Amino acid sequence: MSFRAYDLYNLVNDFGQELTLKKLTTEGSYDPTSGSVSGSATTNYPITGYFYNYDTMSADQIVSGRRKCLISSVGLSAAPDEDDILSGNGDDVTIGSVTTIFSAGTALCYICHVEE
């Protein structure tokens, strides 16, 4: 099934939920003696997102804990990237890849492949 960019935008606005996009803003430094990273920091951004499952017609794509999240780019102050974290409803998922959906040359929404 295919959607127009505006249909995806409306899907997020009508059925999306408030989430937090957590972006790593400072990588920190690695201490080889302790094996830990110190000095890293994250910045939180409020977003609206809609989670959905992979295509149920392709059983080979379904893997436990993996799904997609559609994020509206309207009013978003930071775009999602790989390894960012989406948090909401007591659940944190990591973004594996991001596809940007454009309409007339403007980013309208992002499709994020996420996993727990």
C-alpha atoms as a PDB file:
ATOM      1  CA  MET A   1       0.000   0.000   0.000  1.00  0.00           C
ATOM      2  CA  SER A   2       1.361   3.411  -0.843  1.00  0.00           C
ATOM      3  CA  PHE A   3       0.606   6.753   0.742  1.00  0.00           C
ATOM      4  CA  ARG A   4       1.050  10.319  -0.343  1.00  0.00           C
ATOM      5  CA  ALA A   5       3.272  12.456   1.882  1.00  0.00           C
ATOM      6  CA  TYR A   6       0.272  14.461   3.070  1.00  0.00           C
ATOM      7  CA  ASP A   7      -1.526  11.249   4.091  1.00  0.00           C
ATOM      8  CA  LEU A   8       1.448  10.285   6.267  1.00  0.00           C
ATOM      9  CA  TYR A   9       1.516  13.759   7.797  1.00  0.00           C
ATOM     10  CA  ASN A  10      -2.192  13.494   8.659  1.00  0.00           C
ATOM     11  CA  LEU A  11      -1.707  10.000  10.108  1.00  0.00           C
ATOM     12  CA  VAL A  12       0.832  11.340  12.609  1.00  0.00           C
ATOM     13  CA  ASN A  13      -1.245  14.394  13.494  1.00  0.00           C
ATOM     14  CA  ASP A  14      -4.479  12.424  13.925  1.00  0.00           C
ATOM     15  CA  PHE A  15      -3.182   9.312  15.713  1.00  0.00           C
ATOM     16  CA  GLY A  16       0.331  10.146  16.924  1.00  0.00           C
ATOM     17  CA  GLN A  17       1.435  10.309  20.519  1.00  0.00           C
ATOM     18  CA  GLU A  18       3.756  12.626  22.390  1.00  0.00           C
ATOM     19  CA  LEU A  19       7.282  11.185  22.502  1.00  0.00           C
ATOM     20  CA  THR A  20      10.754  12.399  23.392  1.00  0.00           C
ATOM     21  CA  LEU A  21      13.620  12.295  20.906  1.00  0.00           C
ATOM     22  CA  LYS A  22      16.869  11.847  22.842  1.00  0.00           C
ATOM     23  CA  LYS A  23      19.920  12.937  20.861  1.00  0.00           C
ATOM     24  CA  LEU A  24      23.473  12.333  22.027  1.00  0.00           C
ATOM     25  CA  THR A  25      24.980  15.823  22.006  1.00  0.00           C
ATOM     26  CA  THR A  26      28.349  15.111  23.628  1.00  0.00           C
ATOM     27  CA  GLU A  27      30.111  11.843  22.977  1.00  0.00           C
ATOM     28  CA  GLY A  28      32.247  12.013  26.111  1.00  0.00           C
ATOM     29  CA  SER A  29      35.548  10.279  26.625  1.00  0.00           C
ATOM     30  CA  TYR A  30      36.365   6.609  27.034  1.00  0.00           C
ATOM     31  CA  ASP A  31      38.348   5.510  30.075  1.00  0.00           C
ATOM     32  CA  PRO A  32      40.181   2.274  29.171  1.00  0.00           C
ATOM     33  CA  THR A  33      40.952   1.413  32.804  1.00  0.00           C
ATOM     34  CA  SER A  34      37.316   1.413  33.913  1.00  0.00           C
ATOM     35  CA  GLY A  35      35.817   0.563  30.512  1.00  0.00           C
ATOM     36  CA  SER A  36      33.238   3.343  30.800  1.00  0.00           C
ATOM     37  CA  VAL A  37      32.362   6.543  28.982  1.00  0.00           C
ATOM     38  CA  SER A  38      32.150   9.764  30.978  1.00  0.00           C
ATOM     39  CA  GLY A  39      31.071  13.258  30.024  1.00  0.00           C
ATOM     40  CA  SER A  40      28.424  12.243  27.491  1.00  0.00           C
ATOM     41  CA  ALA A  41      25.173  14.200  27.448  1.00  0.00           C
ATOM     42  CA  THR A  42      21.833  13.976  25.690  1.00  0.00           C
ATOM     43  CA  THR A  43      19.380  16.650  24.634  1.00  0.00           C
ATOM     44  CA  ASN A  44      15.654  15.913  24.721  1.00  0.00           C
ATOM     45  CA  TYR A  45      13.227  17.160  22.048  1.00  0.00           C
ATOM     46  CA  PRO A  46       9.439  16.791  22.267  1.00  0.00           C
ATOM     47  CA  ILE A  47       7.997  15.176  19.124  1.00  0.00           C
ATOM     48  CA  THR A  48       4.798  13.586  17.847  1.00  0.00           C
ATOM     49  CA  GLY A  49       5.195  10.058  16.526  1.00  0.00           C
ATOM     50  CA  TYR A  50       3.093   7.133  15.355  1.00  0.00           C
ATOM     51  CA  PHE A  51       4.387   3.579  15.868  1.00  0.00           C
ATOM     52  CA  TYR A  52       3.367   0.803  13.487  1.00  0.00           C
ATOM     53  CA  ASN A  53       4.482  -2.728  12.635  1.00  0.00           C
ATOM     54  CA  TYR A  54       6.334  -3.886   9.580  1.00  0.00           C
ATOM     55  CA  ASP A  55       4.340  -5.161   6.606  1.00  0.00           C
ATOM     56  CA  THR A  56       2.504  -8.249   7.841  1.00  0.00           C
ATOM     57  CA  MET A  57       2.504  -9.733   4.340  1.00  0.00           C
ATOM     58  CA  SER A  58       6.279 -10.293   4.528  1.00  0.00           C
ATOM     59  CA  ALA A  59       6.812 -12.714   7.391  1.00  0.00           C
ATOM     60  CA  ASP A  60      10.585 -12.725   6.835  1.00  0.00           C
ATOM     61  CA  GLN A  61      10.757  -9.003   7.788  1.00  0.00           C
ATOM     62  CA  ILE A  62       9.039  -9.434  11.143  1.00  0.00           C
ATOM     63  CA  VAL A  63      11.554  -9.580  13.973  1.00  0.00           C
ATOM     64  CA  SER A  64      10.589  -9.358  17.622  1.00  0.00           C
ATOM     65  CA  GLY A  65      11.005  -5.835  18.996  1.00  0.00           C
ATOM     66  CA  ARG A  66      11.338  -4.132  15.604  1.00  0.00           C
ATOM     67  CA  ARG A  67       8.818  -1.688  14.193  1.00  0.00           C
ATOM     68  CA  LYS A  68       8.607   1.708  12.526  1.00  0.00           C
ATOM     69  CA  CYS A  69       7.828   5.148  13.860  1.00  0.00           C
ATOM     70  CA  LEU A  70       6.461   7.931  11.703  1.00  0.00           C
ATOM     71  CA  ILE A  71       7.521  11.386  12.949  1.00  0.00           C
ATOM     72  CA  SER A  72       6.144  14.711  11.761  1.00  0.00           C
ATOM     73  CA  SER A  73       8.841  17.236  10.867  1.00  0.00           C
ATOM     74  CA  VAL A  74       6.546  20.238  11.319  1.00  0.00           C
ATOM     75  CA  GLY A  75       7.801  22.266  14.282  1.00  0.00           C
ATOM     76  CA  LEU A  76      10.623  19.794  14.913  1.00  0.00           C
ATOM     77  CA  SER A  77      13.808  21.511  16.085  1.00  0.00           C
ATOM     78  CA  ALA A  78      16.096  18.496  15.461  1.00  0.00           C
ATOM     79  CA  ALA A  79      15.854  15.756  12.851  1.00  0.00           C
ATOM     80  CA  PRO A  80      16.128  12.136  14.023  1.00  0.00           C
ATOM     81  CA  ASP A  81      19.354  10.262  13.260  1.00  0.00           C
ATOM     82  CA  GLU A  82      20.635   6.725  13.624  1.00  0.00           C
ATOM     83  CA  ASP A  83      21.327   5.703  17.239  1.00  0.00           C
ATOM     84  CA  ASP A  84      18.999   8.368  18.669  1.00  0.00           C
ATOM     85  CA  ILE A  85      16.459   7.141  21.211  1.00  0.00           C
ATOM     86  CA  LEU A  86      12.682   7.572  21.131  1.00  0.00           C
ATOM     87  CA  SER A  87      11.045   7.498  24.535  1.00  0.00           C
ATOM     88  CA  GLY A  88       7.365   7.362  25.428  1.00  0.00           C
ATOM     89  CA  ASN A  89       4.827   5.344  27.410  1.00  0.00           C
ATOM     90  CA  GLY A  90       7.609   3.813  29.484  1.00  0.00           C
ATOM     91  CA  ASP A  91       9.307   2.380  26.393  1.00  0.00           C
ATOM     92  CA  ASP A  92      12.681   3.354  24.901  1.00  0.00           C
ATOM     93  CA  VAL A  93      13.596   2.301  21.360  1.00  0.00           C
ATOM     94  CA  THR A  94      16.735   2.968  19.336  1.00  0.00           C
ATOM     95  CA  ILE A  95      16.554   4.343  15.798  1.00  0.00           C
ATOM     96  CA  GLY A  96      18.324   2.081  13.314  1.00  0.00           C
ATOM     97  CA  SER A  97      17.736   4.045  10.117  1.00  0.00           C
ATOM     98  CA  VAL A  98      15.764   7.085   8.960  1.00  0.00           C
ATOM     99  CA  THR A  99      13.962   7.763   5.671  1.00  0.00           C
ATOM    100  CA  THR A 100      12.915  11.359   4.995  1.00  0.00           C
ATOM    101  CA  ILE A 101       9.623  11.934   3.148  1.00  0.00           C
ATOM    102  CA  PHE A 102       9.578  15.124   1.094  1.00  0.00           C
ATOM    103  CA  SER A 103       6.696  17.104  -0.388  1.00  0.00           C
ATOM    104  CA  ALA A 104       7.561  19.881  -2.844  1.00  0.00           C
ATOM    105  CA  GLY A 105      11.168  19.833  -1.631  1.00  0.00           C
ATOM    106  CA  THR A 106      10.279  20.218   2.045  1.00  0.00           C
ATOM    107  CA  ALA A 107      10.790  17.463   4.622  1.00  0.00           C
ATOM    108  CA  LEU A 108       7.290  16.549   5.802  1.00  0.00           C
ATOM    109  CA  CYS A 109       7.942  13.500   7.954  1.00  0.00           C
ATOM    110  CA  TYR A 110      10.488  10.830   8.831  1.00  0.00           C
ATOM    111  CA  ILE A 111      10.075   7.058   8.826  1.00  0.00           C
ATOM    112  CA  CYS A 112      12.324   5.610  11.510  1.00  0.00           C
ATOM    113  CA  HIS A 113      13.129   1.912  11.752  1.00  0.00           C
ATOM    114  CA  VAL A 114      13.366   1.283  15.493  1.00  0.00           C
ATOM    115  CA  GLU A 115      14.116  -1.616  17.794  1.00  0.00           C
ATOM    116  CA  GLU A 116      14.025  -2.238  21.516  1.00  0.00           C
END
